N, C-alpha and C. Protein backbone atom coordinates (compact mmCIF):
# COMPACT_ATOMS: atom_id res chain seq x y z
N MET A 1 0.84 -1.20 -0.08
CA MET A 1 0.04 0.08 -0.02
C MET A 1 0.86 1.31 -0.02
N PRO A 2 0.71 2.27 -0.87
CA PRO A 2 1.44 3.49 -0.85
C PRO A 2 1.27 4.20 0.43
N LEU A 3 2.37 5.07 0.74
CA LEU A 3 2.25 5.91 1.82
C LEU A 3 1.20 6.86 1.75
N VAL A 4 1.02 7.48 0.57
CA VAL A 4 0.14 8.59 0.32
C VAL A 4 -0.72 8.42 -0.89
N ASN A 5 -1.92 8.83 -0.86
CA ASN A 5 -2.66 8.79 -2.19
C ASN A 5 -2.43 10.22 -2.80
N LEU A 6 -1.59 10.19 -3.85
CA LEU A 6 -1.27 11.40 -4.48
C LEU A 6 -2.31 12.15 -5.14
N PRO A 7 -2.57 13.35 -5.00
CA PRO A 7 -3.57 14.07 -5.61
C PRO A 7 -3.53 14.26 -7.15
N LYS A 8 -4.57 14.42 -7.90
CA LYS A 8 -4.49 14.60 -9.32
C LYS A 8 -4.80 15.96 -9.70
N THR A 9 -5.02 16.82 -8.89
CA THR A 9 -5.22 18.21 -9.23
C THR A 9 -4.26 19.12 -8.39
N GLN A 10 -4.13 20.40 -8.93
CA GLN A 10 -3.27 21.39 -8.33
C GLN A 10 -3.85 21.75 -6.92
N ARG A 11 -5.10 21.80 -6.90
CA ARG A 11 -5.77 22.06 -5.56
C ARG A 11 -5.55 21.04 -4.50
N GLY A 12 -5.50 19.79 -5.05
CA GLY A 12 -5.32 18.66 -4.18
C GLY A 12 -3.90 18.62 -3.69
N GLN A 13 -2.88 18.93 -4.54
CA GLN A 13 -1.41 19.07 -4.26
C GLN A 13 -1.16 20.21 -3.22
N GLU A 14 -1.94 21.28 -3.25
CA GLU A 14 -1.84 22.43 -2.43
C GLU A 14 -2.15 21.89 -0.95
N THR A 15 -3.42 21.16 -0.91
CA THR A 15 -3.88 20.61 0.27
C THR A 15 -2.89 19.66 0.97
N LEU A 16 -2.36 18.88 0.03
CA LEU A 16 -1.43 17.91 0.56
C LEU A 16 -0.06 18.54 1.19
N ASP A 17 0.39 19.61 0.41
CA ASP A 17 1.59 20.32 0.85
C ASP A 17 1.27 21.11 2.22
N ASN A 18 0.05 21.59 2.26
CA ASN A 18 -0.41 22.23 3.56
C ASN A 18 -0.42 21.37 4.72
N LEU A 19 -0.92 20.15 4.44
CA LEU A 19 -1.06 19.18 5.51
C LEU A 19 0.31 18.73 6.01
N CYS A 20 1.16 18.56 5.04
CA CYS A 20 2.56 18.06 5.43
C CYS A 20 3.29 19.22 6.24
N ALA A 21 3.22 20.41 5.72
CA ALA A 21 3.73 21.63 6.45
C ALA A 21 3.15 21.66 7.93
N ALA A 22 1.91 21.47 7.99
CA ALA A 22 1.23 21.40 9.37
C ALA A 22 1.91 20.35 10.09
N ALA A 23 2.03 19.20 9.76
CA ALA A 23 2.40 18.02 10.34
C ALA A 23 3.93 18.28 10.84
N GLU A 24 4.73 18.98 9.92
CA GLU A 24 6.09 19.29 10.35
C GLU A 24 6.02 20.26 11.62
N ARG A 25 5.32 21.20 11.67
CA ARG A 25 5.29 22.13 12.73
C ARG A 25 4.72 21.41 14.04
N VAL A 26 3.79 20.67 13.89
CA VAL A 26 3.21 19.98 15.06
C VAL A 26 4.25 18.81 15.69
N PHE A 27 4.75 18.14 14.74
CA PHE A 27 5.69 17.17 15.20
C PHE A 27 6.91 17.78 15.94
N TYR A 28 7.39 18.95 15.33
CA TYR A 28 8.46 19.62 15.81
C TYR A 28 8.13 20.22 17.25
N ARG A 29 6.97 20.85 17.48
CA ARG A 29 6.52 21.41 18.74
C ARG A 29 6.26 20.23 19.77
N LYS A 30 5.58 19.21 19.39
CA LYS A 30 5.00 18.35 20.40
C LYS A 30 5.62 17.11 20.32
N GLY A 31 6.47 16.72 19.28
CA GLY A 31 7.01 15.32 19.14
C GLY A 31 5.92 14.36 18.55
N TYR A 32 6.39 13.46 17.94
CA TYR A 32 5.47 12.49 17.12
C TYR A 32 4.44 11.87 18.13
N HIS A 33 4.88 11.33 19.31
CA HIS A 33 3.96 10.53 20.20
C HIS A 33 2.98 11.36 20.80
N ASN A 34 3.25 12.73 21.06
CA ASN A 34 2.27 13.54 21.68
C ASN A 34 1.38 14.34 20.73
N SER A 35 1.53 14.06 19.38
CA SER A 35 0.84 14.80 18.42
C SER A 35 -0.30 13.68 17.90
N THR A 36 -1.46 14.33 17.58
CA THR A 36 -2.59 13.58 17.09
C THR A 36 -2.98 14.00 15.67
N ILE A 37 -3.72 13.27 15.02
CA ILE A 37 -4.10 13.73 13.59
C ILE A 37 -4.96 14.90 13.71
N LYS A 38 -5.85 15.04 14.74
CA LYS A 38 -6.67 16.16 14.99
C LYS A 38 -5.83 17.45 15.31
N ASP A 39 -4.59 17.31 16.05
CA ASP A 39 -3.80 18.33 16.09
C ASP A 39 -3.27 18.90 14.75
N ILE A 40 -2.90 17.91 13.92
CA ILE A 40 -2.34 18.16 12.59
C ILE A 40 -3.40 18.86 11.64
N THR A 41 -4.57 18.31 11.62
CA THR A 41 -5.74 18.99 10.85
C THR A 41 -6.11 20.21 11.25
N LYS A 42 -6.14 20.47 12.61
CA LYS A 42 -6.26 21.84 13.07
C LYS A 42 -5.36 22.78 12.72
N GLU A 43 -4.00 22.42 12.78
CA GLU A 43 -2.87 23.17 12.52
C GLU A 43 -3.03 23.64 10.95
N ALA A 44 -3.39 22.70 10.21
CA ALA A 44 -3.59 22.79 8.67
C ALA A 44 -4.91 23.59 8.33
N GLN A 45 -5.79 23.67 9.24
CA GLN A 45 -7.15 24.25 9.06
C GLN A 45 -8.02 23.51 8.00
N ILE A 46 -7.86 22.13 8.12
CA ILE A 46 -8.79 21.37 7.25
C ILE A 46 -9.55 20.38 8.04
N GLY A 47 -10.56 19.76 7.53
CA GLY A 47 -11.44 18.81 8.20
C GLY A 47 -10.69 17.56 8.47
N LEU A 48 -11.04 16.83 9.50
CA LEU A 48 -10.40 15.60 9.97
C LEU A 48 -10.46 14.63 8.70
N GLY A 49 -11.65 14.58 8.01
CA GLY A 49 -11.80 13.58 7.00
C GLY A 49 -10.83 13.90 5.91
N THR A 50 -10.40 15.10 5.53
CA THR A 50 -9.57 15.38 4.52
C THR A 50 -8.15 14.68 4.72
N PHE A 51 -7.75 14.47 5.98
CA PHE A 51 -6.54 13.74 6.28
C PHE A 51 -6.56 12.39 5.56
N TYR A 52 -7.67 11.68 5.63
CA TYR A 52 -7.76 10.33 5.24
C TYR A 52 -7.94 10.21 3.77
N ILE A 53 -8.11 11.30 3.10
CA ILE A 53 -8.01 11.23 1.68
C ILE A 53 -6.60 10.95 1.14
N TYR A 54 -5.61 11.34 1.96
CA TYR A 54 -4.13 11.27 1.66
C TYR A 54 -3.47 10.26 2.45
N PHE A 55 -3.77 10.04 3.64
CA PHE A 55 -2.97 9.03 4.49
C PHE A 55 -3.91 8.21 5.24
N SER A 56 -3.40 7.05 5.55
CA SER A 56 -4.32 6.01 6.37
C SER A 56 -4.07 6.23 7.90
N ASP A 57 -3.00 6.76 8.26
CA ASP A 57 -2.79 7.04 9.66
C ASP A 57 -1.59 8.04 9.86
N LYS A 58 -1.36 8.36 11.15
CA LYS A 58 -0.30 9.30 11.34
C LYS A 58 1.11 8.82 11.01
N LYS A 59 1.39 7.50 11.17
CA LYS A 59 2.66 6.97 10.74
C LYS A 59 3.00 7.03 9.36
N SER A 60 2.00 6.80 8.52
CA SER A 60 2.25 6.84 7.08
C SER A 60 2.58 8.37 6.75
N LEU A 61 2.04 9.31 7.33
CA LEU A 61 2.38 10.61 7.07
C LEU A 61 3.75 10.97 7.55
N TYR A 62 4.13 10.48 8.76
CA TYR A 62 5.56 10.70 9.25
C TYR A 62 6.49 10.04 8.22
N VAL A 63 6.34 8.78 7.77
CA VAL A 63 7.23 8.09 6.96
C VAL A 63 7.22 8.86 5.60
N TYR A 64 6.28 9.37 5.07
CA TYR A 64 6.24 10.21 3.84
C TYR A 64 7.08 11.43 3.99
N LEU A 65 7.01 12.06 5.17
CA LEU A 65 7.88 13.16 5.50
C LEU A 65 9.33 12.79 5.35
N LEU A 66 9.68 11.69 5.92
CA LEU A 66 11.07 11.15 5.97
C LEU A 66 11.50 11.01 4.47
N SER A 67 10.78 10.26 3.76
CA SER A 67 10.98 10.05 2.26
C SER A 67 11.16 11.25 1.57
N ASP A 68 10.37 12.23 1.85
CA ASP A 68 10.36 13.66 1.16
C ASP A 68 11.60 14.27 1.39
N TYR A 69 12.12 14.28 2.66
CA TYR A 69 13.29 14.87 3.19
C TYR A 69 14.51 14.29 2.43
N SER A 70 14.50 13.12 2.37
CA SER A 70 15.69 12.40 1.56
C SER A 70 15.74 12.93 0.20
N LYS A 71 14.59 13.01 -0.55
CA LYS A 71 14.56 13.43 -1.83
C LYS A 71 14.97 14.81 -2.09
N PHE A 72 14.43 15.68 -1.07
CA PHE A 72 14.53 17.02 -1.08
C PHE A 72 16.11 17.39 -0.91
N ILE A 73 16.72 16.69 0.01
CA ILE A 73 18.19 17.02 0.27
C ILE A 73 18.97 16.54 -0.89
N ARG A 74 18.72 15.37 -1.46
CA ARG A 74 19.47 14.97 -2.63
C ARG A 74 19.34 15.81 -3.90
N LYS A 75 18.00 16.29 -4.00
CA LYS A 75 17.79 17.17 -5.17
C LYS A 75 18.55 18.57 -5.02
N ALA A 76 18.59 19.05 -3.75
CA ALA A 76 19.33 20.40 -3.53
C ALA A 76 20.79 20.15 -3.80
N ILE A 77 21.39 19.06 -3.40
CA ILE A 77 22.74 18.72 -3.62
C ILE A 77 23.02 18.54 -5.06
N SER A 78 22.15 17.79 -5.71
CA SER A 78 22.40 17.52 -7.16
C SER A 78 22.27 18.87 -8.00
N LYS A 79 21.47 19.78 -7.56
CA LYS A 79 21.21 21.08 -8.36
C LYS A 79 22.53 21.87 -8.15
N ARG A 80 23.17 21.95 -6.97
CA ARG A 80 24.37 22.73 -6.71
C ARG A 80 25.51 22.09 -7.47
N ILE A 81 25.61 20.89 -7.52
CA ILE A 81 26.86 20.33 -8.04
C ILE A 81 26.84 19.93 -9.49
N ALA A 82 25.60 20.24 -10.12
CA ALA A 82 25.45 19.76 -11.42
C ALA A 82 26.49 20.23 -12.52
N HIS A 83 26.99 21.32 -12.39
CA HIS A 83 28.02 21.85 -13.33
C HIS A 83 29.48 21.41 -13.05
N LEU A 84 29.59 20.56 -11.91
CA LEU A 84 31.05 20.12 -11.37
C LEU A 84 31.40 18.77 -11.96
N THR A 85 32.66 18.60 -12.18
CA THR A 85 33.13 17.26 -12.45
C THR A 85 34.18 16.73 -11.66
N ASP A 86 34.95 17.59 -10.93
CA ASP A 86 35.96 17.19 -9.93
C ASP A 86 35.25 16.71 -8.65
N ARG A 87 35.60 15.51 -8.23
CA ARG A 87 34.89 15.00 -7.06
C ARG A 87 35.29 15.92 -5.70
N ARG A 88 36.44 16.42 -5.71
CA ARG A 88 36.79 17.24 -4.55
C ARG A 88 35.76 18.38 -4.54
N ASP A 89 35.63 19.08 -5.50
CA ASP A 89 34.78 20.16 -5.72
C ASP A 89 33.25 19.71 -5.38
N ILE A 90 32.91 18.66 -5.87
CA ILE A 90 31.55 18.01 -5.65
C ILE A 90 31.40 17.85 -4.10
N GLU A 91 32.21 17.28 -3.43
CA GLU A 91 32.06 17.12 -1.90
C GLU A 91 32.02 18.37 -1.19
N ARG A 92 32.81 19.28 -1.61
CA ARG A 92 32.79 20.70 -0.93
C ARG A 92 31.38 21.39 -1.16
N GLU A 93 30.93 21.49 -2.39
CA GLU A 93 29.70 22.16 -2.67
C GLU A 93 28.63 21.40 -2.24
N GLY A 94 28.57 20.07 -2.34
CA GLY A 94 27.57 19.22 -1.66
C GLY A 94 27.30 19.45 -0.30
N LEU A 95 28.42 19.60 0.49
CA LEU A 95 28.34 19.95 1.83
C LEU A 95 27.70 21.14 2.15
N ILE A 96 28.04 22.23 1.32
CA ILE A 96 27.49 23.58 1.53
C ILE A 96 25.83 23.47 1.22
N ALA A 97 25.52 22.81 0.16
CA ALA A 97 24.18 22.69 -0.18
C ALA A 97 23.36 21.87 0.95
N PHE A 98 24.02 20.82 1.52
CA PHE A 98 23.28 20.23 2.63
C PHE A 98 23.23 21.17 3.85
N LEU A 99 24.19 21.94 4.25
CA LEU A 99 24.14 22.86 5.37
C LEU A 99 23.09 23.92 5.14
N GLU A 100 22.91 24.47 3.90
CA GLU A 100 21.92 25.42 3.60
C GLU A 100 20.50 24.82 3.76
N VAL A 101 20.33 23.52 3.29
CA VAL A 101 19.01 22.93 3.43
C VAL A 101 18.74 22.78 5.03
N VAL A 102 19.48 22.17 5.78
CA VAL A 102 19.20 22.11 7.17
C VAL A 102 19.10 23.31 8.01
N ARG A 103 19.76 24.51 7.49
CA ARG A 103 19.63 25.70 8.09
C ARG A 103 18.31 26.36 7.71
N ASP A 104 17.89 26.10 6.54
CA ASP A 104 16.68 26.85 6.11
C ASP A 104 15.35 26.04 6.40
N ASN A 105 15.55 24.80 6.88
CA ASN A 105 14.41 23.87 7.07
C ASN A 105 14.61 23.34 8.61
N GLN A 106 14.11 24.08 9.56
CA GLN A 106 14.43 23.95 10.94
C GLN A 106 13.85 22.58 11.55
N TYR A 107 12.89 22.03 10.83
CA TYR A 107 12.35 20.77 11.30
C TYR A 107 13.08 19.60 10.98
N ILE A 108 13.87 19.58 9.92
CA ILE A 108 14.50 18.40 9.46
C ILE A 108 15.17 17.48 10.46
N TYR A 109 16.15 18.20 11.12
CA TYR A 109 16.97 17.26 12.17
C TYR A 109 16.02 16.67 13.19
N ASN A 110 15.24 17.39 13.80
CA ASN A 110 14.27 16.86 14.80
C ASN A 110 13.44 15.69 14.29
N ILE A 111 12.82 15.89 13.18
CA ILE A 111 11.99 14.94 12.67
C ILE A 111 12.69 13.63 12.20
N ILE A 112 13.77 13.77 11.55
CA ILE A 112 14.52 12.60 11.16
C ILE A 112 15.05 11.83 12.32
N TRP A 113 15.62 12.48 13.35
CA TRP A 113 16.34 11.79 14.39
C TRP A 113 15.24 11.29 15.39
N GLU A 114 14.10 11.90 15.44
CA GLU A 114 12.97 11.31 16.29
C GLU A 114 12.59 9.85 15.80
N SER A 115 12.84 9.65 14.52
CA SER A 115 12.38 8.25 13.96
C SER A 115 13.07 7.09 14.72
N LEU A 116 14.21 7.44 15.22
CA LEU A 116 14.89 6.29 16.11
C LEU A 116 14.13 5.84 17.27
N TYR A 117 13.26 6.81 17.73
CA TYR A 117 12.47 6.43 18.95
C TYR A 117 10.99 6.10 18.64
N ILE A 118 10.71 6.28 17.26
CA ILE A 118 9.40 5.80 16.89
C ILE A 118 9.33 4.40 16.32
N ASP A 119 10.42 4.14 15.43
CA ASP A 119 10.49 2.89 14.77
C ASP A 119 12.05 2.80 14.34
N LYS A 120 12.88 2.14 15.06
CA LYS A 120 14.28 2.13 14.78
C LYS A 120 14.63 1.81 13.11
N GLN A 121 13.79 1.00 12.70
CA GLN A 121 14.05 0.63 11.26
C GLN A 121 13.78 1.75 10.38
N LEU A 122 12.91 2.63 10.61
CA LEU A 122 12.80 3.93 9.83
C LEU A 122 14.14 4.70 9.89
N PHE A 123 14.67 4.80 11.07
CA PHE A 123 16.03 5.58 11.05
C PHE A 123 17.16 4.87 10.38
N VAL A 124 17.25 3.47 10.48
CA VAL A 124 18.24 2.73 9.77
C VAL A 124 17.91 2.78 8.25
N ASP A 125 16.69 2.68 7.85
CA ASP A 125 16.37 2.86 6.34
C ASP A 125 16.65 4.08 5.84
N TYR A 126 16.44 5.14 6.58
CA TYR A 126 16.60 6.51 5.99
C TYR A 126 18.13 6.66 5.81
N TYR A 127 18.98 6.29 6.67
CA TYR A 127 20.40 6.57 6.45
C TYR A 127 20.97 5.58 5.56
N ASN A 128 20.53 4.33 5.50
CA ASN A 128 20.96 3.31 4.62
C ASN A 128 20.68 3.72 3.10
N ASP A 129 19.49 4.19 3.04
CA ASP A 129 19.10 4.57 1.61
C ASP A 129 20.05 5.76 1.12
N PHE A 130 20.12 6.75 2.10
CA PHE A 130 21.03 7.81 1.60
C PHE A 130 22.35 7.50 1.38
N ALA A 131 22.85 6.55 2.02
CA ALA A 131 24.28 5.99 1.88
C ALA A 131 24.31 5.19 0.58
N SER A 132 23.22 4.36 0.16
CA SER A 132 23.27 3.67 -1.07
C SER A 132 23.53 4.54 -2.16
N HIS A 133 22.92 5.77 -2.15
CA HIS A 133 23.06 6.66 -3.32
C HIS A 133 24.51 7.17 -3.33
N TYR A 134 25.02 7.53 -2.18
CA TYR A 134 26.31 7.97 -1.96
C TYR A 134 27.37 6.96 -2.46
N ILE A 135 27.15 5.73 -2.12
CA ILE A 135 28.21 4.69 -2.43
C ILE A 135 28.46 4.69 -3.82
N ASN A 136 27.47 4.85 -4.77
CA ASN A 136 27.54 4.74 -6.16
C ASN A 136 28.65 5.83 -6.60
N TYR A 137 28.50 6.98 -6.24
CA TYR A 137 29.42 8.00 -6.56
C TYR A 137 30.84 7.74 -6.06
N ILE A 138 30.82 7.23 -4.85
CA ILE A 138 32.11 6.89 -4.14
C ILE A 138 32.87 5.78 -5.06
N GLU A 139 32.08 4.78 -5.40
CA GLU A 139 32.77 3.68 -6.24
C GLU A 139 33.18 4.24 -7.46
N GLN A 140 32.53 5.10 -8.23
CA GLN A 140 32.92 5.73 -9.41
C GLN A 140 34.17 6.57 -9.20
N ALA A 141 34.26 7.41 -8.16
CA ALA A 141 35.51 8.00 -7.88
C ALA A 141 36.67 7.18 -7.65
N GLN A 142 36.46 6.02 -6.88
CA GLN A 142 37.49 4.99 -6.59
C GLN A 142 37.98 4.43 -7.93
N SER A 143 37.08 4.07 -8.78
CA SER A 143 37.38 3.47 -10.10
C SER A 143 38.20 4.38 -11.01
N GLU A 144 37.97 5.73 -10.84
CA GLU A 144 38.73 6.82 -11.55
C GLU A 144 39.95 7.22 -10.86
N GLU A 145 40.34 6.54 -9.73
CA GLU A 145 41.47 6.76 -8.93
C GLU A 145 41.56 8.12 -8.43
N VAL A 146 40.34 8.72 -8.08
CA VAL A 146 40.27 10.05 -7.39
C VAL A 146 40.26 9.87 -5.85
N MET A 147 39.56 8.84 -5.44
CA MET A 147 39.48 8.42 -3.91
C MET A 147 40.24 7.16 -3.75
N ARG A 148 40.84 7.05 -2.50
CA ARG A 148 41.53 5.79 -2.07
C ARG A 148 40.47 4.64 -2.03
N LYS A 149 41.03 3.40 -2.32
CA LYS A 149 40.07 2.25 -2.48
C LYS A 149 39.90 1.70 -1.02
N LEU A 150 38.93 2.43 -0.28
CA LEU A 150 38.62 1.78 1.01
C LEU A 150 37.21 1.28 0.84
N ASN A 151 36.67 0.83 1.91
CA ASN A 151 35.27 0.22 1.90
C ASN A 151 34.23 1.44 1.61
N PRO A 152 33.60 1.30 0.54
CA PRO A 152 32.78 2.45 0.06
C PRO A 152 31.59 2.68 1.04
N GLU A 153 31.11 1.66 1.71
CA GLU A 153 30.03 2.03 2.82
C GLU A 153 30.66 2.71 3.88
N THR A 154 31.83 2.35 4.38
CA THR A 154 32.47 3.07 5.50
C THR A 154 32.70 4.53 5.08
N VAL A 155 33.25 4.77 3.95
CA VAL A 155 33.58 6.12 3.39
C VAL A 155 32.23 6.90 3.40
N ALA A 156 31.11 6.34 2.87
CA ALA A 156 29.76 7.01 2.79
C ALA A 156 29.37 7.43 4.19
N PHE A 157 29.43 6.49 5.21
CA PHE A 157 29.01 6.90 6.55
C PHE A 157 29.93 7.90 7.17
N VAL A 158 31.21 7.89 6.86
CA VAL A 158 32.24 8.88 7.36
C VAL A 158 31.68 10.24 6.86
N LEU A 159 31.48 10.28 5.58
CA LEU A 159 31.23 11.65 4.98
C LEU A 159 29.85 12.17 5.55
N MET A 160 28.88 11.18 5.54
CA MET A 160 27.49 11.69 6.01
C MET A 160 27.73 12.03 7.55
N GLY A 161 28.48 11.39 8.33
CA GLY A 161 28.67 11.75 9.66
C GLY A 161 29.20 13.15 9.88
N ILE A 162 30.26 13.37 9.10
CA ILE A 162 30.81 14.71 9.04
C ILE A 162 29.70 15.89 8.71
N ALA A 163 28.99 15.56 7.75
CA ALA A 163 28.04 16.50 7.31
C ALA A 163 27.02 16.66 8.31
N ASN A 164 26.61 15.57 9.01
CA ASN A 164 25.52 15.81 9.90
C ASN A 164 25.90 16.55 11.21
N PHE A 165 27.06 16.31 11.66
CA PHE A 165 27.52 16.84 12.89
C PHE A 165 28.04 18.30 12.61
N VAL A 166 28.68 18.51 11.49
CA VAL A 166 29.03 19.89 11.17
C VAL A 166 27.68 20.78 11.06
N GLY A 167 26.69 20.14 10.46
CA GLY A 167 25.35 20.72 10.43
C GLY A 167 24.72 20.99 11.77
N LEU A 168 24.87 20.08 12.65
CA LEU A 168 24.36 20.34 13.88
C LEU A 168 25.03 21.64 14.48
N ARG A 169 26.23 21.57 14.42
CA ARG A 169 27.10 22.77 15.11
C ARG A 169 26.78 24.18 14.46
N TYR A 170 26.56 24.21 13.18
CA TYR A 170 26.51 25.42 12.56
C TYR A 170 25.11 25.82 12.01
N THR A 171 24.17 24.89 12.22
CA THR A 171 22.80 25.40 11.85
C THR A 171 21.73 25.21 13.02
N MET A 172 22.09 24.46 14.08
CA MET A 172 21.27 24.31 15.25
C MET A 172 21.86 24.99 16.46
N PHE A 173 23.13 24.64 16.81
CA PHE A 173 23.81 25.29 17.88
C PHE A 173 23.96 26.77 17.70
N GLU A 174 24.28 27.16 16.43
CA GLU A 174 24.40 28.48 16.02
C GLU A 174 23.98 28.67 14.58
N LYS A 175 23.30 29.62 14.20
CA LYS A 175 22.77 29.90 12.92
C LYS A 175 23.85 30.59 12.07
N ARG A 176 24.48 29.89 11.08
CA ARG A 176 25.46 30.55 10.28
C ARG A 176 24.79 30.84 8.99
N GLU A 177 25.12 32.06 8.39
CA GLU A 177 24.67 32.37 7.00
C GLU A 177 25.57 31.96 5.94
N ASP A 178 26.87 31.90 6.19
CA ASP A 178 27.88 31.59 5.21
C ASP A 178 28.62 30.37 5.67
N PHE A 179 28.85 29.41 4.69
CA PHE A 179 29.46 28.13 5.17
C PHE A 179 30.71 27.97 4.36
N ASP A 180 31.23 28.90 3.65
CA ASP A 180 32.37 28.73 2.81
C ASP A 180 33.63 28.35 3.61
N ASP A 181 33.92 29.10 4.74
CA ASP A 181 35.11 28.75 5.52
C ASP A 181 35.06 27.29 6.15
N ILE A 182 33.89 26.88 6.51
CA ILE A 182 33.73 25.63 7.17
C ILE A 182 33.88 24.58 6.11
N ALA A 183 33.26 24.71 4.95
CA ALA A 183 33.43 23.77 3.91
C ALA A 183 34.90 23.64 3.42
N SER A 184 35.58 24.73 3.49
CA SER A 184 37.07 24.73 3.06
C SER A 184 37.78 23.89 4.19
N ASP A 185 37.48 24.18 5.42
CA ASP A 185 38.22 23.28 6.33
C ASP A 185 37.96 21.87 6.28
N VAL A 186 36.63 21.58 6.11
CA VAL A 186 36.31 20.08 5.79
C VAL A 186 36.90 19.58 4.51
N ALA A 187 37.01 20.38 3.41
CA ALA A 187 37.64 19.98 2.18
C ALA A 187 39.07 19.72 2.46
N THR A 188 39.74 20.47 3.24
CA THR A 188 41.16 20.35 3.52
C THR A 188 41.51 19.01 4.28
N ILE A 189 40.54 18.57 5.21
CA ILE A 189 40.65 17.32 5.86
C ILE A 189 40.50 16.24 4.88
N TYR A 190 39.49 16.38 3.91
CA TYR A 190 39.34 15.34 2.81
C TYR A 190 40.58 15.15 2.01
N ASN A 191 40.98 16.26 1.57
CA ASN A 191 42.08 16.34 0.56
C ASN A 191 43.52 16.11 0.98
N GLU A 192 43.74 16.58 2.27
CA GLU A 192 45.16 16.41 2.79
C GLU A 192 45.31 15.69 4.10
N GLY A 193 44.25 15.17 4.60
CA GLY A 193 44.18 14.44 5.76
C GLY A 193 44.35 15.28 7.02
N LEU A 194 44.02 14.68 8.13
CA LEU A 194 43.98 15.50 9.40
C LEU A 194 45.35 15.35 10.09
N PHE A 195 46.19 14.37 9.87
CA PHE A 195 47.40 14.26 10.69
C PHE A 195 48.63 14.50 9.67
N PHE A 196 49.65 15.03 10.47
CA PHE A 196 50.89 15.15 9.70
C PHE A 196 51.59 13.74 9.62
N PRO A 197 52.31 13.43 8.68
CA PRO A 197 52.89 12.12 8.48
C PRO A 197 53.94 11.97 9.66
N LYS A 198 54.11 10.65 10.11
CA LYS A 198 55.11 10.36 11.10
C LYS A 198 56.39 10.54 10.62
N ASP A 199 57.44 11.09 11.56
CA ASP A 199 58.79 11.31 11.16
C ASP A 199 59.47 9.88 10.87
């Protein structure tokens, strides 16, 4: 069964978008377990029955949001790196794109990470799915001898971990408007390594 009954009209799409935006706000304020469908429809200013046109229950809406976040983040990164060919530049600009997304969409971190306490498999699947897309690019870079031939999955999660925690520091702990210097530091770690060679 699909997560959502996709609308066939522009008006229907606007209603779905409004419903999802309302759910983000409610989940962010109250947390998933303390939120009800009634809370969400009240926030969206729509009737309770309208919810069930699109979703069967609260969890299906939540899972749809997770799926949409993954696509949204990947699309933003793809758009920013579309003109680039050097993997080093791609990693740097991709990091900036990610940081801009999580800075400008304050609900993303809370809602994604809460999935660990709602259904651990959702959390696992979210990051495994993201990694699977990343691995394809890593393997390509390795085959072109741009990256060292290390375990592609390990590399993917290392890069994702850096992006996630740099994002926490500079978009949640502190709101930064410009990420160029941060991305440059991270790129230096990627390109030159963190440690000096042993004597």
